[in-house]
Amino acid sequence: MIEKITHVPIVVSDQDRALKFYTEVVGLEKRADYGLPGKGR
């Protein structure tokens, strides 16, 4: 039985749009945002 989930990867084509959806519509909390300098997240 799964007792706890800490990370779930979700592949999207537009990261800014997905972030807005998951935080504003679904109500999830953004806790971190990782990316490489000069590249996308």
PDB file of N, CA and C in Angstrom:
ATOM      1  N   MET A   1       0.835  -1.181   0.000  1.00  0.00           N
ATOM      2  CA  MET A   1       0.000   0.000   0.000  1.00  0.00           C
ATOM      3  C   MET A   1       0.884   1.250   0.000  1.00  0.00           C
ATOM      4  N   ILE A   2       0.558   2.206  -0.815  1.00  0.00           N
ATOM      5  CA  ILE A   2       1.287   3.472  -0.857  1.00  0.00           C
ATOM      6  C   ILE A   2       0.818   4.348   0.295  1.00  0.00           C
ATOM      7  N   GLU A   3       1.767   4.811   1.100  1.00  0.00           N
ATOM      8  CA  GLU A   3       1.430   5.653   2.250  1.00  0.00           C
ATOM      9  C   GLU A   3       1.728   7.128   2.017  1.00  0.00           C
ATOM     10  N   LYS A   4       2.672   7.416   1.103  1.00  0.00           N
ATOM     11  CA  LYS A   4       3.069   8.802   0.899  1.00  0.00           C
ATOM     12  C   LYS A   4       3.666   8.985  -0.493  1.00  0.00           C
ATOM     13  N   ILE A   5       3.312  10.052  -1.162  1.00  0.00           N
ATOM     14  CA  ILE A   5       3.893  10.416  -2.449  1.00  0.00           C
ATOM     15  C   ILE A   5       4.526  11.788  -2.278  1.00  0.00           C
ATOM     16  N   THR A   6       5.813  11.900  -2.626  1.00  0.00           N
ATOM     17  CA  THR A   6       6.494  13.181  -2.446  1.00  0.00           C
ATOM     18  C   THR A   6       6.769  13.901  -3.757  1.00  0.00           C
ATOM     19  N   HIS A   7       6.937  13.170  -4.872  1.00  0.00           N
ATOM     20  CA  HIS A   7       7.225  13.785  -6.165  1.00  0.00           C
ATOM     21  C   HIS A   7       6.459  13.048  -7.262  1.00  0.00           C
ATOM     22  N   VAL A   8       5.928  13.805  -8.200  1.00  0.00           N
ATOM     23  CA  VAL A   8       5.251  13.222  -9.352  1.00  0.00           C
ATOM     24  C   VAL A   8       5.652  14.023 -10.581  1.00  0.00           C
ATOM     25  N   PRO A   9       6.384  13.422 -11.530  1.00  0.00           N
ATOM     26  CA  PRO A   9       6.757  14.154 -12.747  1.00  0.00           C
ATOM     27  C   PRO A   9       5.564  14.255 -13.694  1.00  0.00           C
ATOM     28  N   ILE A  10       5.377  15.436 -14.265  1.00  0.00           N
ATOM     29  CA  ILE A  10       4.319  15.655 -15.240  1.00  0.00           C
ATOM     30  C   ILE A  10       4.957  16.340 -16.446  1.00  0.00           C
ATOM     31  N   VAL A  11       4.918  15.687 -17.604  1.00  0.00           N
ATOM     32  CA  VAL A  11       5.510  16.236 -18.818  1.00  0.00           C
ATOM     33  C   VAL A  11       4.477  17.119 -19.512  1.00  0.00           C
ATOM     34  N   VAL A  12       4.871  18.372 -19.826  1.00  0.00           N
ATOM     35  CA  VAL A  12       3.965  19.324 -20.473  1.00  0.00           C
ATOM     36  C   VAL A  12       4.690  20.016 -21.619  1.00  0.00           C
ATOM     37  N   SER A  13       3.929  20.584 -22.546  1.00  0.00           N
ATOM     38  CA  SER A  13       4.534  21.291 -23.676  1.00  0.00           C
ATOM     39  C   SER A  13       4.762  22.776 -23.378  1.00  0.00           C
ATOM     40  N   ASP A  14       4.021  23.355 -22.443  1.00  0.00           N
ATOM     41  CA  ASP A  14       4.162  24.770 -22.089  1.00  0.00           C
ATOM     42  C   ASP A  14       4.249  24.872 -20.568  1.00  0.00           C
ATOM     43  N   GLN A  15       5.455  25.042 -20.041  1.00  0.00           N
ATOM     44  CA  GLN A  15       5.662  25.004 -18.599  1.00  0.00           C
ATOM     45  C   GLN A  15       5.015  26.171 -17.867  1.00  0.00           C
ATOM     46  N   ASP A  16       5.036  27.353 -18.443  1.00  0.00           N
ATOM     47  CA  ASP A  16       4.408  28.505 -17.785  1.00  0.00           C
ATOM     48  C   ASP A  16       2.896  28.331 -17.690  1.00  0.00           C
ATOM     49  N   ARG A  17       2.299  27.855 -18.760  1.00  0.00           N
ATOM     50  CA  ARG A  17       0.851  27.614 -18.764  1.00  0.00           C
ATOM     51  C   ARG A  17       0.477  26.503 -17.779  1.00  0.00           C
ATOM     52  N   ALA A  18       1.276  25.446 -17.735  1.00  0.00           N
ATOM     53  CA  ALA A  18       1.019  24.341 -16.813  1.00  0.00           C
ATOM     54  C   ALA A  18       1.163  24.801 -15.363  1.00  0.00           C
ATOM     55  N   LEU A  19       2.182  25.610 -15.074  1.00  0.00           N
ATOM     56  CA  LEU A  19       2.370  26.118 -13.722  1.00  0.00           C
ATOM     57  C   LEU A  19       1.163  26.940 -13.285  1.00  0.00           C
ATOM     58  N   LYS A  20       0.686  27.802 -14.157  1.00  0.00           N
ATOM     59  CA  LYS A  20      -0.493  28.620 -13.850  1.00  0.00           C
ATOM     60  C   LYS A  20      -1.712  27.724 -13.587  1.00  0.00           C
ATOM     61  N   PHE A  21      -1.919  26.708 -14.423  1.00  0.00           N
ATOM     62  CA  PHE A  21      -3.053  25.805 -14.246  1.00  0.00           C
ATOM     63  C   PHE A  21      -2.982  25.071 -12.913  1.00  0.00           C
ATOM     64  N   TYR A  22      -1.837  24.444 -12.629  1.00  0.00           N
ATOM     65  CA  TYR A  22      -1.737  23.624 -11.427  1.00  0.00           C
ATOM     66  C   TYR A  22      -1.756  24.442 -10.148  1.00  0.00           C
ATOM     67  N   THR A  23      -1.308  25.700 -10.190  1.00  0.00           N
ATOM     68  CA  THR A  23      -1.333  26.513  -8.979  1.00  0.00           C
ATOM     69  C   THR A  23      -2.645  27.287  -8.826  1.00  0.00           C
ATOM     70  N   GLU A  24      -3.160  27.862  -9.917  1.00  0.00           N
ATOM     71  CA  GLU A  24      -4.355  28.703  -9.817  1.00  0.00           C
ATOM     72  C   GLU A  24      -5.666  27.928  -9.942  1.00  0.00           C
ATOM     73  N   VAL A  25      -5.695  26.909 -10.779  1.00  0.00           N
ATOM     74  CA  VAL A  25      -6.941  26.164 -11.001  1.00  0.00           C
ATOM     75  C   VAL A  25      -7.046  24.964 -10.059  1.00  0.00           C
ATOM     76  N   VAL A  26      -6.021  24.148 -10.035  1.00  0.00           N
ATOM     77  CA  VAL A  26      -6.048  22.929  -9.220  1.00  0.00           C
ATOM     78  C   VAL A  26      -5.794  23.250  -7.742  1.00  0.00           C
ATOM     79  N   GLY A  27      -4.997  24.294  -7.484  1.00  0.00           N
ATOM     80  CA  GLY A  27      -4.745  24.703  -6.108  1.00  0.00           C
ATOM     81  C   GLY A  27      -3.500  24.104  -5.472  1.00  0.00           C
ATOM     82  N   LEU A  28      -2.597  23.561  -6.294  1.00  0.00           N
ATOM     83  CA  LEU A  28      -1.357  23.024  -5.749  1.00  0.00           C
ATOM     84  C   LEU A  28      -0.403  24.163  -5.401  1.00  0.00           C
ATOM     85  N   GLU A  29       0.553  23.882  -4.540  1.00  0.00           N
ATOM     86  CA  GLU A  29       1.532  24.877  -4.103  1.00  0.00           C
ATOM     87  C   GLU A  29       2.873  24.623  -4.782  1.00  0.00           C
ATOM     88  N   LYS A  30       3.450  25.657  -5.377  1.00  0.00           N
ATOM     89  CA  LYS A  30       4.780  25.551  -5.970  1.00  0.00           C
ATOM     90  C   LYS A  30       5.795  25.703  -4.848  1.00  0.00           C
ATOM     91  N   ARG A  31       6.618  24.681  -4.656  1.00  0.00           N
ATOM     92  CA  ARG A  31       7.605  24.715  -3.575  1.00  0.00           C
ATOM     93  C   ARG A  31       9.008  24.935  -4.089  1.00  0.00           C
ATOM     94  N   ALA A  32       9.290  24.583  -5.344  1.00  0.00           N
ATOM     95  CA  ALA A  32      10.629  24.752  -5.910  1.00  0.00           C
ATOM     96  C   ALA A  32      10.512  24.852  -7.420  1.00  0.00           C
ATOM     97  N   ASP A  33      11.501  25.445  -8.037  1.00  0.00           N
ATOM     98  CA  ASP A  33      11.528  25.571  -9.501  1.00  0.00           C
ATOM     99  C   ASP A  33      12.987  25.477  -9.932  1.00  0.00           C
ATOM    100  N   TYR A  34      13.337  24.403 -10.600  1.00  0.00           N
ATOM    101  CA  TYR A  34      14.717  24.152 -10.971  1.00  0.00           C
ATOM    102  C   TYR A  34      14.912  24.359 -12.472  1.00  0.00           C
ATOM    103  N   GLY A  35      16.045  24.889 -12.836  1.00  0.00           N
ATOM    104  CA  GLY A  35      16.378  25.051 -14.240  1.00  0.00           C
ATOM    105  C   GLY A  35      17.861  25.304 -14.404  1.00  0.00           C
ATOM    106  N   LEU A  36      18.331  25.130 -15.611  1.00  0.00           N
ATOM    107  CA  LEU A  36      19.723  25.384 -15.920  1.00  0.00           C
ATOM    108  C   LEU A  36      19.868  26.794 -16.500  1.00  0.00           C
ATOM    109  N   PRO A  37      20.930  27.513 -16.186  1.00  0.00           N
ATOM    110  CA  PRO A  37      21.127  28.851 -16.737  1.00  0.00           C
ATOM    111  C   PRO A  37      21.093  28.836 -18.261  1.00  0.00           C
ATOM    112  N   GLY A  38      20.276  29.712 -18.844  1.00  0.00           N
ATOM    113  CA  GLY A  38      20.170  29.788 -20.290  1.00  0.00           C
ATOM    114  C   GLY A  38      19.291  28.742 -20.926  1.00  0.00           C
ATOM    115  N   LYS A  39      18.681  27.889 -20.128  1.00  0.00           N
ATOM    116  CA  LYS A  39      17.806  26.832 -20.651  1.00  0.00           C
ATOM    117  C   LYS A  39      16.506  26.840 -19.867  1.00  0.00           C
ATOM    118  N   GLY A  40      15.567  26.061 -20.323  1.00  0.00           N
ATOM    119  CA  GLY A  40      14.281  25.959 -19.644  1.00  0.00           C
ATOM    120  C   GLY A  40      14.385  25.235 -18.316  1.00  0.00           C
ATOM    121  N   ARG A  41      13.266  25.102 -17.667  1.00  0.00           N
ATOM    122  CA  ARG A  41      13.225  24.414 -16.376  1.00  0.00           C
ATOM    123  C   ARG A  41      13.573  22.956 -16.531  1.00  0.00           C
TER     124      ARG A  41
END
